Protein backbone atom coordinates (compact mmCIF):
# COMPACT_ATOMS: atom_id res chain seq x y z
CA UNK A 1 -27.53 -34.91 -9.84
CA UNK A 2 -28.45 -32.76 -6.88
CA UNK A 3 -24.74 -32.41 -6.05
CA UNK A 4 -24.07 -31.28 -9.61
CA UNK A 5 -26.82 -28.68 -9.33
CA UNK A 6 -25.33 -27.41 -6.08
CA UNK A 7 -21.92 -27.20 -7.72
CA UNK A 8 -23.37 -25.27 -10.65
CA UNK A 9 -25.12 -22.91 -8.25
CA UNK A 10 -21.80 -22.36 -6.50
CA UNK A 11 -20.14 -21.58 -9.82
CA UNK A 12 -22.80 -18.96 -10.57
CA UNK A 13 -22.34 -17.28 -7.21
CA UNK A 14 -18.55 -17.42 -7.43
CA UNK A 15 -18.66 -15.92 -10.93
CA UNK A 16 -20.92 -13.13 -9.71
CA UNK A 17 -18.78 -12.25 -6.69
CA UNK A 18 -15.54 -12.51 -8.69
CA UNK A 19 -16.74 -11.25 -12.06
CA UNK A 20 -13.60 -9.15 -12.50
CA UNK A 21 -11.50 -12.27 -11.90
CA UNK A 22 -12.85 -13.81 -15.10
CA UNK A 23 -12.23 -10.56 -16.99
CA UNK A 24 -8.62 -10.41 -15.78
CA UNK A 25 -8.11 -14.12 -16.45
CA UNK A 26 -9.90 -14.60 -19.78
CA UNK A 27 -10.09 -11.12 -21.20
CA UNK A 28 -13.25 -9.34 -22.37
CA UNK A 29 -14.12 -11.91 -25.06
CA UNK A 30 -13.55 -14.85 -22.72
CA UNK A 31 -15.59 -13.30 -19.91
CA UNK A 32 -18.50 -12.55 -22.26
CA UNK A 33 -18.34 -16.11 -23.63
CA UNK A 34 -18.51 -17.49 -20.09
CA UNK A 35 -21.49 -15.24 -19.33
CA UNK A 36 -23.30 -16.54 -22.41
CA UNK A 37 -22.54 -20.19 -21.59
CA UNK A 38 -23.75 -19.86 -18.00
CA UNK A 39 -26.87 -18.06 -19.16
CA UNK A 40 -27.62 -20.79 -21.70
CA UNK A 41 -27.07 -23.54 -19.13
CA UNK A 42 -29.38 -21.88 -16.61
CA UNK A 43 -32.02 -21.42 -19.29
CA UNK A 44 -31.86 -25.12 -20.22
CA UNK A 45 -32.27 -26.19 -16.60
CA UNK A 46 -35.16 -23.77 -16.15
CA UNK A 47 -36.98 -24.99 -19.27
CA UNK A 48 -36.55 -28.63 -18.24
CA UNK A 49 -38.05 -27.95 -14.85
CA UNK A 50 -41.55 -29.32 -14.38
CA UNK A 51 -44.26 -26.82 -15.18
CA UNK A 52 -46.08 -27.44 -11.92
CA UNK A 53 -43.00 -26.68 -9.84
CA UNK A 54 -42.25 -23.53 -11.84
CA UNK A 55 -45.79 -22.21 -11.44
CA UNK A 56 -45.84 -22.72 -7.67
CA UNK A 57 -42.39 -21.25 -7.02
CA UNK A 58 -42.19 -18.38 -9.48
CA UNK A 59 -44.37 -15.46 -8.47
CA UNK A 60 -43.90 -12.64 -11.01
CA UNK A 61 -45.35 -9.95 -8.73
CA UNK A 62 -42.38 -10.34 -6.41
CA UNK A 63 -40.05 -9.28 -9.21
CA UNK A 64 -42.19 -6.44 -10.54
CA UNK A 65 -39.98 -3.65 -9.16
CA UNK A 66 -36.72 -4.96 -10.61
CA UNK A 67 -38.58 -5.72 -13.85
CA UNK A 68 -39.77 -2.13 -14.16
CA UNK A 69 -36.28 -0.87 -13.31
CA UNK A 70 -34.65 -2.99 -16.02
CA UNK A 71 -37.41 -2.18 -18.51
CA UNK A 72 -36.80 1.54 -18.04
CA UNK A 73 -33.07 0.91 -18.46
CA UNK A 74 -33.74 -0.77 -21.83
CA UNK A 75 -36.22 1.90 -22.90
CA UNK A 76 -33.67 4.63 -22.19
CA UNK A 77 -31.84 3.54 -25.35
CA UNK A 78 -34.41 5.67 -27.21
CA UNK A 79 -32.95 8.91 -25.85
CA UNK A 80 -29.54 7.71 -24.69
CA UNK A 81 -26.45 9.77 -25.39
CA UNK A 82 -24.57 6.44 -25.62
CA UNK A 83 -27.08 3.91 -27.08
CA UNK A 84 -24.57 1.12 -27.70
CA UNK A 85 -23.38 1.25 -24.08
CA UNK A 86 -26.98 1.42 -22.86
CA UNK A 87 -27.99 -1.69 -24.73
CA UNK A 88 -24.86 -3.67 -23.87
CA UNK A 89 -24.86 -2.91 -20.16
CA UNK A 90 -28.62 -3.41 -19.83
CA UNK A 91 -28.31 -6.88 -21.35
CA UNK A 92 -25.42 -7.79 -19.04
CA UNK A 93 -27.15 -6.57 -15.86
CA UNK A 94 -30.41 -8.24 -16.88
CA UNK A 95 -28.41 -11.45 -17.27
CA UNK A 96 -27.12 -11.17 -13.70
CA UNK A 97 -30.64 -10.53 -12.38
CA UNK A 98 -32.04 -13.50 -14.30
CA UNK A 99 -29.33 -15.72 -12.85
CA UNK A 100 -30.32 -14.48 -9.38
CA UNK A 101 -33.95 -15.33 -10.16
CA UNK A 102 -32.80 -18.77 -11.32
CA UNK A 103 -30.90 -19.39 -8.07
CA UNK A 104 -33.89 -18.33 -5.99
CA UNK A 105 -36.02 -20.63 -8.14
CA UNK A 106 -33.97 -23.75 -7.37
CA UNK A 107 -32.70 -23.11 -3.84
CA UNK A 108 -34.30 -22.37 -0.50
CA UNK A 109 -33.07 -19.32 1.38
CA UNK A 110 -30.86 -21.21 3.82
CA UNK A 111 -29.37 -23.31 1.01
CA UNK A 112 -28.59 -20.23 -1.04
CA UNK A 113 -26.98 -18.56 2.00
CA UNK A 114 -24.72 -21.60 2.47
CA UNK A 115 -23.77 -21.61 -1.22
CA UNK A 116 -22.96 -17.89 -1.12
CA UNK A 117 -20.84 -18.44 2.00
CA UNK A 118 -18.82 -21.24 0.41
CA UNK A 119 -18.33 -19.28 -2.83
CA UNK A 120 -17.26 -16.14 -0.96
CA UNK A 121 -14.80 -18.08 1.19
CA UNK A 122 -13.37 -19.61 -1.99
CA UNK A 123 -12.84 -16.10 -3.38
CA UNK A 124 -10.89 -15.19 -0.23
CA UNK A 125 -8.83 -18.39 -0.21
CA UNK A 126 -7.87 -17.96 -3.85
CA UNK A 127 -7.08 -14.31 -3.15
CA UNK A 128 -4.66 -15.27 -0.37
CA UNK A 129 -3.05 -17.91 -2.59
CA UNK A 130 -2.63 -15.49 -5.50
CA UNK A 131 -1.30 -12.70 -3.28
CA UNK A 132 1.28 -15.10 -1.81
CA UNK A 133 2.30 -16.39 -5.25
CA UNK A 134 2.70 -12.93 -6.78
CA UNK A 135 4.53 -11.57 -3.73
CA UNK A 136 6.90 -14.57 -3.80
CA UNK A 137 7.55 -14.00 -7.50
CA UNK A 138 8.68 -10.47 -6.70
CA UNK A 139 6.83 -8.81 -9.58
CA UNK A 140 3.27 -7.48 -9.95
CA UNK A 141 0.75 -9.22 -12.18
CA UNK A 142 -1.14 -7.49 -14.98
CA UNK A 143 -4.57 -8.55 -16.30
CA UNK A 144 -4.43 -11.45 -18.78
CA UNK A 145 -0.90 -12.21 -17.48
CA UNK A 146 0.70 -9.49 -19.56
CA UNK A 147 4.27 -8.59 -18.69
CA UNK A 148 4.56 -5.70 -16.22
CA UNK A 149 8.09 -4.69 -17.17
CA UNK A 150 7.14 -1.35 -18.73
CA UNK A 151 4.14 -0.55 -16.50
CA UNK A 152 4.87 1.32 -13.28
CA UNK A 153 1.38 2.50 -12.31
CA UNK A 154 0.04 0.13 -9.61
CA UNK A 155 -3.55 1.07 -10.46
CA UNK A 156 -3.24 -0.99 -13.64
CA UNK A 157 -2.04 -4.14 -11.86
CA UNK A 158 -4.28 -7.13 -11.28
CA UNK A 159 -2.26 -8.08 -8.19
CA UNK A 160 0.36 -5.68 -6.88
CA UNK A 161 2.42 -8.26 -4.99
CA UNK A 162 2.77 -6.21 -1.82
CA UNK A 163 1.40 -8.79 0.61
CA UNK A 164 4.65 -8.92 2.59
CA UNK A 165 5.57 -5.27 2.12
CA UNK A 166 2.43 -3.55 3.38
CA UNK A 167 -0.09 -1.56 1.39
CA UNK A 168 -3.52 -2.46 0.07
CA UNK A 169 -4.12 -5.87 -1.46
CA UNK A 170 -6.66 -6.64 -4.19
CA UNK A 171 -6.97 -10.43 -4.35
CA UNK A 172 -8.26 -12.28 -7.39
CA UNK A 173 -10.91 -9.61 -8.00
CA UNK A 174 -8.19 -7.04 -8.71
CA UNK A 175 -9.87 -4.34 -6.65
CA UNK A 176 -9.39 -3.65 -2.94
CA UNK A 177 -12.91 -2.30 -2.43
CA UNK A 178 -14.55 -5.31 -4.09
CA UNK A 179 -12.36 -7.67 -2.07
CA UNK A 180 -13.37 -5.87 1.13
CA UNK A 181 -17.06 -6.25 0.26
CA UNK A 182 -16.63 -10.01 -0.17
CA UNK A 183 -14.84 -10.09 3.20
CA UNK A 184 -17.84 -8.45 4.84
CA UNK A 185 -20.21 -10.93 3.17
CA UNK A 186 -18.16 -13.82 4.58
CA UNK A 187 -18.24 -12.28 8.05
CA UNK A 188 -22.01 -11.77 7.88
CA UNK A 189 -22.76 -15.32 6.80
CA UNK A 190 -20.20 -16.94 9.09
CA UNK A 191 -21.49 -15.06 12.12
CA UNK A 192 -25.19 -15.58 11.44
CA UNK A 193 -25.30 -19.03 9.85
CA UNK A 194 -27.72 -21.40 11.51
CA UNK A 195 -25.25 -24.31 11.83
CA UNK A 196 -23.97 -24.68 15.38
CA UNK A 197 -21.86 -27.87 15.30
CA UNK A 198 -18.44 -27.61 16.94
CA UNK A 199 -16.58 -28.23 13.68
CA UNK A 200 -18.64 -25.62 11.85
CA UNK A 201 -18.08 -23.08 14.63
CA UNK A 202 -14.30 -23.56 14.51
CA UNK A 203 -14.22 -23.29 10.72
CA UNK A 204 -16.33 -20.14 10.77
CA UNK A 205 -14.13 -18.56 13.41
CA UNK A 206 -11.14 -19.21 11.16
CA UNK A 207 -12.90 -17.82 8.07
CA UNK A 208 -14.03 -14.75 10.03
CA UNK A 209 -10.44 -14.18 11.16
CA UNK A 210 -9.16 -14.51 7.61
CA UNK A 211 -11.89 -12.20 6.30
CA UNK A 212 -11.15 -9.57 8.95
CA UNK A 213 -7.42 -9.68 8.17
CA UNK A 214 -8.06 -9.35 4.44
CA UNK A 215 -10.52 -6.54 5.09
CA UNK A 216 -7.89 -4.61 7.05
CA UNK A 217 -5.29 -5.26 4.35
CA UNK A 218 -7.73 -4.15 1.64
CA UNK A 219 -8.03 -0.86 3.51
CA UNK A 220 -11.64 -0.05 2.61
CA UNK A 221 -12.93 2.66 4.93
CA UNK A 222 -16.48 2.22 3.61
CA UNK A 223 -16.56 -1.47 4.54
CA UNK A 224 -15.24 -0.74 8.03
CA UNK A 225 -18.08 1.76 8.42
CA UNK A 226 -20.46 -0.89 7.07
CA UNK A 227 -19.43 -3.24 9.87
CA UNK A 228 -20.15 -0.54 12.44
CA UNK A 229 -23.51 0.23 10.84
CA UNK A 230 -24.44 -3.46 10.73
CA UNK A 231 -23.57 -3.90 14.41
CA UNK A 232 -25.77 -0.93 15.28
CA UNK A 233 -28.66 -2.19 13.14
CA UNK A 234 -28.35 -5.70 14.63
CA UNK A 235 -28.62 -4.27 18.15
CA UNK A 236 -31.60 -2.10 17.24
CA UNK A 237 -33.35 -4.98 15.49
CA UNK A 238 -32.85 -7.30 18.46
CA UNK A 239 -34.18 -4.71 20.88
CA UNK A 240 -37.17 -3.96 18.67
CA UNK A 241 -38.11 -7.64 18.46
CA UNK A 242 -38.33 -7.70 22.25
CA UNK A 243 -40.76 -4.80 22.49
CA UNK A 244 -44.38 -5.92 22.72
CA UNK A 245 -46.52 -2.87 23.44
CA UNK A 246 -47.22 0.32 21.52
CA UNK A 247 -45.85 2.43 24.34
CA UNK A 248 -42.57 0.52 24.53
CA UNK A 249 -42.16 0.73 20.77
CA UNK A 250 -42.85 4.46 20.77
CA UNK A 251 -40.19 4.93 23.45
CA UNK A 252 -37.80 2.72 21.49
CA UNK A 253 -38.32 4.71 18.27
CA UNK A 254 -37.76 8.01 20.06
CA UNK A 255 -34.63 6.84 21.88
CA UNK A 256 -33.08 5.07 18.89
CA UNK A 257 -33.81 8.02 16.56
CA UNK A 258 -32.18 10.41 19.03
CA UNK A 259 -29.15 8.12 19.39
CA UNK A 260 -28.69 7.79 15.63
CA UNK A 261 -29.11 11.56 15.15
CA UNK A 262 -26.45 12.22 17.81
CA UNK A 263 -24.06 9.75 16.19
CA UNK A 264 -24.55 11.26 12.73
CA UNK A 265 -24.18 14.81 14.03
CA UNK A 266 -21.05 13.84 15.92
CA UNK A 267 -19.56 12.17 12.86
CA UNK A 268 -20.28 15.25 10.72
CA UNK A 269 -18.83 17.60 13.32
CA UNK A 270 -15.71 15.48 13.72
CA UNK A 271 -15.41 14.53 10.05
CA UNK A 272 -11.86 15.81 9.85
CA UNK A 273 -10.79 13.50 12.66
CA UNK A 274 -12.81 10.63 11.18
CA UNK A 275 -11.23 11.05 7.74
CA UNK A 276 -7.77 11.20 9.29
CA UNK A 277 -8.42 8.08 11.37
CA UNK A 278 -9.61 6.23 8.25
CA UNK A 279 -6.66 7.46 6.24
CA UNK A 280 -8.83 9.43 3.83
CA UNK A 281 -8.81 13.04 2.67
CA UNK A 282 -11.73 15.48 2.84
CA UNK A 283 -12.30 14.87 -0.87
CA UNK A 284 -12.89 11.16 -0.17
CA UNK A 285 -9.97 10.10 -2.37
CA UNK A 286 -11.06 12.33 -5.24
CA UNK A 287 -14.70 11.25 -5.20
CA UNK A 288 -16.03 14.74 -4.57
CA UNK A 289 -14.54 15.96 -7.85
CA UNK A 290 -16.06 12.98 -9.67
CA UNK A 291 -19.49 13.69 -8.18
CA UNK A 292 -19.35 17.32 -9.31
CA UNK A 293 -18.66 16.34 -12.93
CA UNK A 294 -21.31 13.64 -12.94
CA UNK A 295 -23.91 15.99 -11.47
CA UNK A 296 -23.11 18.58 -14.14
CA UNK A 297 -23.92 16.02 -16.83
CA UNK A 298 -26.92 14.70 -14.91
CA UNK A 299 -28.50 18.13 -14.61
CA UNK A 300 -28.62 18.40 -18.39
CA UNK A 301 -31.40 15.76 -18.38
CA UNK A 302 -32.80 15.63 -14.85
CA UNK A 303 -36.06 13.75 -15.51
CA UNK A 304 -35.25 10.72 -17.67
CA UNK A 305 -31.48 10.88 -17.58
CA UNK A 306 -28.86 10.57 -20.29
CA UNK A 307 -29.15 6.83 -20.83
CA UNK A 308 -28.43 3.68 -18.86
CA UNK A 309 -24.75 2.80 -18.44
CA UNK A 310 -23.80 0.46 -15.59
CA UNK A 311 -20.84 0.36 -15.74
CA UNK A 312 -19.59 3.16 -17.95
CA UNK A 313 -17.99 1.88 -21.14
CA UNK A 314 -14.39 3.20 -21.32
CA UNK A 315 -14.35 2.54 -25.08
CA UNK A 316 -17.37 4.76 -25.66
CA UNK A 317 -16.36 8.28 -26.70
CA UNK A 318 -18.88 9.68 -24.21
CA UNK A 319 -16.87 8.23 -21.32
CA UNK A 320 -13.37 7.79 -22.70
CA UNK A 321 -11.14 10.32 -20.93
CA UNK A 322 -14.23 12.12 -19.55
CA UNK A 323 -13.24 11.49 -15.93
CA UNK A 324 -9.84 9.97 -15.26
CA UNK A 325 -8.03 8.81 -12.17
CA UNK A 326 -4.28 8.17 -12.37
CA UNK A 327 -4.60 8.30 -16.14
CA UNK A 328 -7.36 5.65 -16.25
CA UNK A 329 -10.94 6.24 -17.35
CA UNK A 330 -13.34 5.98 -14.41
CA UNK A 331 -16.00 3.28 -14.78
CA UNK A 332 -18.68 4.69 -12.47
CA UNK A 333 -19.62 7.69 -10.33
CA UNK A 334 -18.54 6.19 -6.98
CA UNK A 335 -22.02 6.84 -5.63
CA UNK A 336 -25.03 4.81 -6.73
CA UNK A 337 -27.53 7.64 -6.25
CA UNK A 338 -25.58 10.20 -8.26
CA UNK A 339 -24.80 7.56 -10.87
CA UNK A 340 -28.40 6.49 -11.43
CA UNK A 341 -29.48 10.14 -11.49
CA UNK A 342 -27.05 10.79 -14.33
CA UNK A 343 -28.18 7.64 -16.18
CA UNK A 344 -31.94 7.51 -15.64
CA UNK A 345 -32.73 10.88 -14.06
CA UNK A 346 -35.26 11.48 -11.33
CA UNK A 347 -37.39 8.59 -12.62
CA UNK A 348 -34.46 6.22 -12.15
CA UNK A 349 -33.80 7.56 -8.67
CA UNK A 350 -37.42 6.89 -7.69
CA UNK A 351 -37.24 3.37 -9.11
CA UNK A 352 -34.05 2.72 -7.15
CA UNK A 353 -35.64 4.16 -4.00
CA UNK A 354 -38.54 1.73 -4.51
CA UNK A 355 -36.16 -1.22 -4.83
CA UNK A 356 -34.22 -0.25 -1.73
CA UNK A 357 -37.37 0.51 0.28
CA UNK A 358 -38.86 -2.87 -0.62
CA UNK A 359 -35.64 -4.57 0.39
CA UNK A 360 -35.56 -2.73 3.71
CA UNK A 361 -39.20 -3.59 4.48
CA UNK A 362 -38.80 -7.29 3.67
CA UNK A 363 -35.50 -7.52 5.55
CA UNK A 364 -36.83 -5.64 8.59
CA UNK A 365 -39.93 -7.82 8.83
CA UNK A 366 -37.85 -10.94 8.72
CA UNK A 367 -35.19 -9.56 11.04
CA UNK A 368 -37.74 -8.73 13.75
CA UNK A 369 -39.51 -12.09 13.68
CA UNK A 370 -39.70 -13.83 17.01
CA UNK A 371 -38.78 -17.46 17.50
CA UNK A 372 -36.39 -17.47 14.54
CA UNK A 373 -32.62 -18.00 14.70
CA UNK A 374 -30.04 -15.31 14.14
CA UNK A 375 -29.91 -16.15 10.43
CA UNK A 376 -33.04 -13.99 10.14
CA UNK A 377 -30.69 -10.96 10.23
CA UNK A 378 -28.78 -11.92 7.06
CA UNK A 379 -31.05 -10.04 4.59
CA UNK A 380 -31.02 -6.91 6.77
CA UNK A 381 -27.23 -6.98 7.09
CA UNK A 382 -26.90 -7.31 3.31
CA UNK A 383 -29.21 -4.32 2.82
CA UNK A 384 -27.03 -2.26 5.17
CA UNK A 385 -23.93 -3.41 3.30
CA UNK A 386 -25.34 -2.32 -0.07
CA UNK A 387 -26.53 1.03 1.28
CA UNK A 388 -23.18 1.89 2.85
CA UNK A 389 -21.28 0.63 -0.19
CA UNK A 390 -23.52 2.75 -2.41
CA UNK A 391 -22.35 5.94 -0.71
CA UNK A 392 -18.84 5.69 -2.18
CA UNK A 393 -19.26 3.07 -4.92
CA UNK A 394 -21.79 2.33 -7.66
CA UNK A 395 -21.39 -1.43 -7.13
CA UNK A 396 -25.01 -1.97 -5.95
CA UNK A 397 -26.15 -0.95 -9.44
CA UNK A 398 -24.33 -3.74 -11.23
CA UNK A 399 -23.29 -7.40 -11.22
CA UNK A 400 -23.75 -9.17 -7.87
CA UNK A 401 -24.81 -5.94 -6.20
CA UNK A 402 -27.84 -5.53 -8.46
CA UNK A 403 -28.61 -9.26 -8.27
CA UNK A 404 -28.58 -9.11 -4.46
CA UNK A 405 -30.75 -5.98 -4.49
CA UNK A 406 -33.23 -7.76 -6.78
CA UNK A 407 -33.50 -10.76 -4.45
CA UNK A 408 -33.82 -8.58 -1.35
CA UNK A 409 -36.44 -6.31 -2.90
CA UNK A 410 -38.48 -9.36 -3.94
CA UNK A 411 -38.29 -10.91 -0.48
CA UNK A 412 -37.96 -14.12 -2.47
CA UNK A 413 -37.97 -17.73 -1.33
CA UNK A 414 -37.55 -20.90 -3.34
CA UNK A 415 -38.01 -24.66 -3.23
CA UNK A 416 -35.10 -26.75 -2.01
CA UNK A 417 -34.63 -28.74 -5.19
CA UNK A 418 -35.05 -28.41 -8.89
CA UNK A 419 -36.79 -31.07 -10.93
CA UNK A 420 -35.04 -31.75 -14.20
CA UNK A 421 -36.45 -34.22 -16.71
CA UNK A 422 -38.95 -35.52 -14.18
CA UNK A 423 -36.28 -36.42 -11.62
CA UNK A 424 -35.02 -34.63 -8.55
CA UNK A 425 -31.50 -33.32 -8.79
């Protein structure tokens, strides 16, 4: 039974990382049905868990911040400019957070990290297989396997089939930026996993190589910057953990702050060269124009926002054809801070700041612990990933991004096994 529980946990993580895969495979109705089924199954397992185990493992105060955030999202339906979208998206994101809580409830941290690693590697392996199959077929693939004969815009394709011809690839998730984020997750977990057996090392070297290749083919500049930021943070964290006196820490803070300031100033001064090297324009692939329009709407209700909507509903008249890219309605603001400001106003921004700050504090404390293996850096690396991703995407506000942020902000841990019906699984 324990193996079945592990498999179910893997399915939950896979479904979170590759949520758009289920949408492209099953359609909207099928994806929602799967979400409901998984939610019901997790609820049944939770309710069958022994009361004593639940009371000792579940500590509500750890989840207070994410609870307040979601509560405010639900409450915003009262003044929302798009109440149906507010209610629907709040329910969906709450479902993802509850599944994250469920996983933390039944798995220890190191077990959950291993499950996430396996699920993420599976996403990459299936992505390679699908890219090869579509490229060999010689025709792009549309969502729900619709015929692509009369569709020439590659932005509509699920898989473009250009694996052998060059260009960005999207994998089973159907989005190059999401695929790149999963690649970075694989690289983080493979590099920092506690297992040190020779077989495991070889396998992780291979998965890291595959992830790096897919990351380069996905062509996500933000994720390449995330890798650089994570390397810098890892070095700083390691150095900090070796300082023991107040004087040495004061010197470290001064030197590291100066170094970071110089790097940021240099990047800003040479932004033209940086954009050119990353293959991006000064408008960040049209994002600047999107931010301007979103801020215009956000400023109309700066305190409580216009109503929760993560993601934006393209079928809602408030978003349909409001902001388009290549003829397609944009689903989010491509910046989590601007997006939440438009949705929940300054109150929402402060709630998000609280979540991120809590995540940073918990991750930093764990990352600077002495006498602990390198896996202690995993939470901190994930925080850096979400923060960098949030500069050009709104992904940290939804689906696996919000679930990860909830876990990190709670600094949560969990028992290694779940008791179901009085027996260990």
